[in-house]
C-alpha atoms as a PDB file:
ATOM      1  CA  MET A   1     121.248  46.823  71.772  1.00  0.00           C
ATOM      2  CA  GLU A   2     119.326  47.609  75.025  1.00  0.00           C
ATOM      3  CA  GLU A   3     115.940  49.102  75.087  1.00  0.00           C
ATOM      4  CA  PRO A   4     115.393  52.334  77.032  1.00  0.00           C
ATOM      5  CA  GLN A   5     113.680  52.019  80.428  1.00  0.00           C
ATOM      6  CA  ARG A   6     110.097  52.925  80.381  1.00  0.00           C
ATOM      7  CA  ALA A   7     108.165  54.314  83.255  1.00  0.00           C
ATOM      8  CA  ARG A   8     105.967  51.577  84.710  1.00  0.00           C
ATOM      9  CA  SER A   9     103.588  53.594  86.769  1.00  0.00           C
ATOM     10  CA  HIS A  10      99.857  53.239  86.425  1.00  0.00           C
ATOM     11  CA  THR A  11      96.914  54.139  88.613  1.00  0.00           C
ATOM     12  CA  VAL A  12      94.508  51.705  89.888  1.00  0.00           C
ATOM     13  CA  THR A  13      91.215  52.793  91.228  1.00  0.00           C
ATOM     14  CA  THR A  14      89.077  50.379  93.385  1.00  0.00           C
ATOM     15  CA  THR A  15      85.589  50.777  94.680  1.00  0.00           C
ATOM     16  CA  THR A  16      83.682  48.693  97.057  1.00  0.00           C
ATOM     17  CA  SER A  17      79.946  48.333  97.578  1.00  0.00           C
ATOM     18  CA  SER A  18      77.780  46.115  99.412  1.00  0.00           C
ATOM     19  CA  PHE A  19      75.164  43.848  98.020  1.00  0.00           C
ATOM     20  CA  ALA A  20      72.469  45.598 100.096  1.00  0.00           C
ATOM     21  CA  GLU A  21      73.139  48.983  98.490  1.00  0.00           C
ATOM     22  CA  ASN A  22      72.634  47.680  94.966  1.00  0.00           C
ATOM     23  CA  PHE A  23      69.604  45.373  95.846  1.00  0.00           C
ATOM     24  CA  SER A  24      66.253  47.099  96.334  1.00  0.00           C
ATOM     25  CA  THR A  25      63.091  45.132  96.834  1.00  0.00           C
ATOM     26  CA  THR A  26      60.982  47.850  95.322  1.00  0.00           C
ATOM     27  CA  SER A  27      62.769  47.604  92.034  1.00  0.00           C
ATOM     28  CA  SER A  28      62.618  43.871  91.688  1.00  0.00           C
ATOM     29  CA  SER A  29      61.799  42.396  88.241  1.00  0.00           C
ATOM     30  CA  PHE A  30      59.866  39.544  89.894  1.00  0.00           C
ATOM     31  CA  ALA A  31      56.535  40.770  91.039  1.00  0.00           C
ATOM     32  CA  TYR A  32      53.661  38.885  92.711  1.00  0.00           C
ATOM     33  CA  ASP A  33      50.423  39.716  90.905  1.00  0.00           C
ATOM     34  CA  ARG A  34      47.390  38.041  92.617  1.00  0.00           C
ATOM     35  CA  GLU A  35      45.097  39.427  90.022  1.00  0.00           C
ATOM     36  CA  PHE A  36      46.972  37.660  87.232  1.00  0.00           C
ATOM     37  CA  LEU A  37      46.783  34.279  89.152  1.00  0.00           C
ATOM     38  CA  ARG A  38      42.972  34.690  89.134  1.00  0.00           C
ATOM     39  CA  THR A  39      42.730  34.888  85.363  1.00  0.00           C
ATOM     40  CA  VAL A  40      42.495  31.972  83.032  1.00  0.00           C
ATOM     41  CA  PRO A  41      46.142  32.408  81.635  1.00  0.00           C
ATOM     42  CA  GLY A  42      47.399  32.588  85.274  1.00  0.00           C
ATOM     43  CA  LEU A  43      45.618  29.393  86.282  1.00  0.00           C
ATOM     44  CA  LEU A  44      46.952  27.752  83.325  1.00  0.00           C
ATOM     45  CA  ILE A  45      50.526  28.648  84.163  1.00  0.00           C
ATOM     46  CA  VAL A  46      50.005  27.321  87.793  1.00  0.00           C
ATOM     47  CA  ALA A  47      48.547  24.170  86.399  1.00  0.00           C
ATOM     48  CA  GLU A  48      51.389  23.667  84.123  1.00  0.00           C
ATOM     49  CA  ILE A  49      53.919  24.107  86.917  1.00  0.00           C
ATOM     50  CA  GLY A  50      51.889  21.454  89.016  1.00  0.00           C
ATOM     51  CA  LEU A  51      51.824  19.173  85.997  1.00  0.00           C
ATOM     52  CA  CYS A  52      55.513  19.655  85.168  1.00  0.00           C
ATOM     53  CA  PHE A  53      56.520  19.017  88.831  1.00  0.00           C
ATOM     54  CA  ASN A  54      54.473  15.832  89.023  1.00  0.00           C
ATOM     55  CA  GLY A  55      55.597  14.523  85.760  1.00  0.00           C
ATOM     56  CA  SER A  56      59.240  15.069  86.508  1.00  0.00           C
ATOM     57  CA  ALA A  57      58.934  13.565  89.970  1.00  0.00           C
ATOM     58  CA  PHE A  58      57.359  10.613  88.396  1.00  0.00           C
ATOM     59  CA  VAL A  59      60.211  10.007  86.009  1.00  0.00           C
ATOM     60  CA  LEU A  60      62.737  10.601  88.760  1.00  0.00           C
ATOM     61  CA  TYR A  61      61.019   8.189  91.126  1.00  0.00           C
ATOM     62  CA  LEU A  62      60.539   5.635  88.551  1.00  0.00           C
ATOM     63  CA  SER A  63      64.282   5.574  87.758  1.00  0.00           C
ATOM     64  CA  ALA A  64      65.077   5.391  91.406  1.00  0.00           C
ATOM     65  CA  ALA A  65      62.652   2.563  92.034  1.00  0.00           C
ATOM     66  CA  ILE A  66      64.068   0.535  89.024  1.00  0.00           C
ATOM     67  CA  VAL A  67      67.602   0.944  90.372  1.00  0.00           C
ATOM     68  CA  ASP A  68      66.471   0.088  93.829  1.00  0.00           C
ATOM     69  CA  ALA A  69      64.700  -3.099  92.700  1.00  0.00           C
ATOM     70  CA  SER A  70      67.590  -4.178  90.583  1.00  0.00           C
ATOM     71  CA  SER A  71      69.904  -4.014  93.571  1.00  0.00           C
ATOM     72  CA  VAL A  72      67.704  -6.426  95.627  1.00  0.00           C
ATOM     73  CA  SER A  73      69.596  -9.755  96.082  1.00  0.00           C
ATOM     74  CA  PRO A  74      68.638 -12.612  98.430  1.00  0.00           C
ATOM     75  CA  GLU A  75      72.280 -13.625  98.716  1.00  0.00           C
ATOM     76  CA  ARG A  76      73.247 -10.784 100.923  1.00  0.00           C
ATOM     77  CA  GLY A  77      71.412 -12.030 103.957  1.00  0.00           C
ATOM     78  CA  ASN A  78      67.799 -12.250 105.095  1.00  0.00           C
ATOM     79  CA  HIS A  79      67.599  -8.944 106.979  1.00  0.00           C
ATOM     80  CA  ASN A  80      69.079  -6.868 104.116  1.00  0.00           C
ATOM     81  CA  PHE A  81      66.990  -8.688 101.536  1.00  0.00           C
ATOM     82  CA  ASN A  82      63.795  -7.811 103.479  1.00  0.00           C
ATOM     83  CA  SER A  83      64.912  -4.123 103.898  1.00  0.00           C
ATOM     84  CA  TRP A  84      65.776  -3.810 100.219  1.00  0.00           C
ATOM     85  CA  ALA A  85      62.622  -5.500  99.133  1.00  0.00           C
ATOM     86  CA  ALA A  86      60.486  -3.193 101.315  1.00  0.00           C
ATOM     87  CA  SER A  87      62.329  -0.105 100.066  1.00  0.00           C
ATOM     88  CA  SER A  88      61.678  -1.229  96.490  1.00  0.00           C
ATOM     89  CA  PHE A  89      57.939  -1.895  97.141  1.00  0.00           C
ATOM     90  CA  PHE A  90      57.518   1.599  98.692  1.00  0.00           C
ATOM     91  CA  ALA A  91      59.546   3.111  95.961  1.00  0.00           C
ATOM     92  CA  PHE A  92      57.177   1.893  93.327  1.00  0.00           C
ATOM     93  CA  LEU A  93      54.212   2.801  95.539  1.00  0.00           C
ATOM     94  CA  VAL A  94      55.368   6.408  95.473  1.00  0.00           C
ATOM     95  CA  THR A  95      56.019   6.169  91.763  1.00  0.00           C
ATOM     96  CA  ILE A  96      52.434   5.087  91.211  1.00  0.00           C
ATOM     97  CA  CYS A  97      51.199   7.965  93.369  1.00  0.00           C
ATOM     98  CA  TYR A  98      53.106  10.434  91.310  1.00  0.00           C
ATOM     99  CA  ALA A  99      51.852   8.891  88.119  1.00  0.00           C
ATOM    100  CA  GLY A 100      48.295   9.290  89.275  1.00  0.00           C
ATOM    101  CA  ASN A 101      48.888  12.781  90.418  1.00  0.00           C
ATOM    102  CA  THR A 102      50.485  13.595  87.038  1.00  0.00           C
ATOM    103  CA  TYR A 103      47.403  12.216  85.140  1.00  0.00           C
ATOM    104  CA  PHE A 104      44.949  14.129  87.236  1.00  0.00           C
ATOM    105  CA  SER A 105      47.020  17.278  86.874  1.00  0.00           C
ATOM    106  CA  PHE A 106      47.014  16.785  83.128  1.00  0.00           C
ATOM    107  CA  THR A 107      43.235  16.189  83.026  1.00  0.00           C
ATOM    108  CA  ALA A 108      42.684  19.432  85.093  1.00  0.00           C
ATOM    109  CA  TRP A 109      45.040  21.337  82.861  1.00  0.00           C
ATOM    110  CA  ARG A 110      43.374  19.964  79.844  1.00  0.00           C
ATOM    111  CA  SER A 111      39.887  20.800  81.149  1.00  0.00           C
ATOM    112  CA  ARG A 112      40.929  24.429  81.740  1.00  0.00           C
ATOM    113  CA  THR A 113      42.550  24.533  78.277  1.00  0.00           C
ATOM    114  CA  MET A 114      39.277  23.526  76.557  1.00  0.00           C
ATOM    115  CA  GLN A 115      37.305  26.341  78.258  1.00  0.00           C
END
């Protein structure tokens, strides 16, 4: 038994718009408030952002320095060994700098929290 033929017409409506029409800088939900940044909560948020950045940079540089140092091998040739050893030294030096900066950011954040 054969089914009867159905009409297969349907209407498709398309619209186009540009991104610029839908985006308005005056209705942005991200506002820059200078007065808030001068308050104690605003300063704490900024300090936490400096603290979080330095802490995460310390962890990432430490892992990169360890990987770099573990790849140093004197068997690959004298020039490559010296280059890899120097890069490991400077990687650990940068890691120590970020660790110190994280500590100082933490103490600054902690002193503002105590006030």
